[in-house]
Amino acid sequence: LPTSTVTVTPNNPVFTGETVNLTCVIKYEWYKGNTNNSVMLQTSNHYTVNRDTLTIRGATESDQDHYWCKGQRDERPQSSHFSSAVDLTVK
């Protein structure tokens, strides 16, 4: 299986109130937390999931966490390995 990679813009650390983009090089499920206790992120008032990019609007200290992605596609193989996690720091 292919492996996804996550990048963060702007670079860490980010500051409260900033907009943060996390980009996944394949497609496009986004997770927050650790591998034993994670949440798949969906578009909401705070997050926008748009294919390979997760946007966090108005970053707060509660957004400081581990983030990673997993690629999904229609053809085989249908998914990738999970990417390595990035640690988002919010000050």
Protein backbone atom coordinates (compact mmCIF):
# COMPACT_ATOMS: atom_id res chain seq x y z
CA LEU A 1 0.00 0.00 0.00
CA PRO A 2 1.16 3.56 -0.63
CA THR A 3 1.93 5.81 2.33
CA SER A 4 0.41 9.25 2.88
CA THR A 5 2.42 12.24 4.04
CA VAL A 6 1.17 15.30 5.97
CA THR A 7 2.52 18.84 5.71
CA VAL A 8 1.55 21.87 7.85
CA THR A 9 1.23 25.47 6.58
CA PRO A 10 2.27 27.74 8.22
CA ASN A 11 5.11 25.87 9.91
CA ASN A 12 4.85 25.03 13.62
CA PRO A 13 4.28 26.66 15.97
CA VAL A 14 1.04 28.37 14.97
CA PHE A 15 -0.67 30.99 17.06
CA THR A 16 -4.22 31.23 18.37
CA GLY A 17 -6.57 32.73 15.81
CA GLU A 18 -4.50 31.66 12.80
CA THR A 19 -5.81 29.55 9.93
CA VAL A 20 -3.84 26.34 9.54
CA ASN A 21 -3.74 24.07 6.47
CA LEU A 22 -2.68 20.43 6.78
CA THR A 23 -2.18 18.75 3.41
CA CYS A 24 -2.26 15.01 2.66
CA VAL A 25 -0.44 13.91 -0.49
CA ILE A 26 -2.89 11.15 -1.45
CA LYS A 27 -6.53 11.28 -0.31
CA TYR A 28 -8.01 12.25 2.29
CA GLU A 29 -9.37 11.03 5.57
CA TRP A 30 -8.19 13.19 8.46
CA TYR A 31 -7.67 12.12 12.07
CA LYS A 32 -6.86 13.87 15.33
CA GLY A 33 -5.54 12.29 18.53
CA ASN A 34 -3.34 9.30 19.15
CA THR A 35 -3.63 5.95 17.42
CA ASN A 36 -5.48 4.39 20.36
CA ASN A 37 -8.00 7.22 20.74
CA SER A 38 -8.51 9.09 17.48
CA VAL A 39 -11.31 11.06 15.88
CA MET A 40 -11.95 11.19 12.13
CA LEU A 41 -12.46 14.87 11.30
CA GLN A 42 -15.39 16.09 9.21
CA THR A 43 -16.23 19.52 7.80
CA SER A 44 -17.73 21.71 10.53
CA ASN A 45 -17.69 25.35 11.68
CA HIS A 46 -14.08 24.88 12.80
CA TYR A 47 -12.67 22.40 10.26
CA THR A 48 -12.92 22.21 6.49
CA VAL A 49 -12.02 18.89 4.86
CA ASN A 50 -11.46 19.45 1.13
CA ARG A 51 -9.90 16.36 -0.38
CA ASP A 52 -6.20 16.56 0.48
CA THR A 53 -6.37 19.63 2.76
CA LEU A 54 -7.66 20.01 6.30
CA THR A 55 -8.17 23.68 7.23
CA ILE A 56 -8.48 24.73 10.87
CA ARG A 57 -10.05 28.18 11.15
CA GLY A 58 -9.21 30.26 14.20
CA ALA A 59 -6.78 27.82 15.79
CA THR A 60 -7.11 27.42 19.57
CA GLU A 61 -4.99 25.62 22.13
CA SER A 62 -7.45 22.70 22.00
CA ASP A 63 -6.32 22.11 18.38
CA GLN A 64 -2.85 21.25 19.63
CA ASP A 65 -2.63 17.52 18.98
CA HIS A 66 -1.36 14.82 16.63
CA TYR A 67 -2.83 14.84 13.11
CA TRP A 68 -2.53 12.29 10.34
CA CYS A 69 -4.29 11.21 7.18
CA LYS A 70 -5.12 8.05 5.30
CA GLY A 71 -5.45 7.86 1.53
CA GLN A 72 -8.65 6.55 -0.05
CA ARG A 73 -9.50 5.94 -3.69
CA ASP A 74 -11.99 3.98 -5.81
CA GLU A 75 -9.52 1.65 -7.56
CA ARG A 76 -7.25 -0.92 -5.94
CA PRO A 77 -5.50 -0.63 -3.62
CA GLN A 78 -8.37 1.31 -2.07
CA SER A 79 -6.46 2.84 0.81
CA SER A 80 -2.99 3.79 1.90
CA HIS A 81 -1.18 3.23 5.12
CA PHE A 82 -1.73 5.97 7.68
CA SER A 83 0.71 8.84 7.30
CA SER A 84 3.17 9.65 10.00
CA ALA A 85 1.57 11.99 12.52
CA VAL A 86 2.44 15.66 12.68
CA ASP A 87 2.31 17.41 16.03
CA LEU A 88 0.54 20.74 15.75
CA THR A 89 1.66 23.24 18.39
CA VAL A 90 -0.62 26.21 19.14
CA LYS A 91 0.69 29.02 21.36
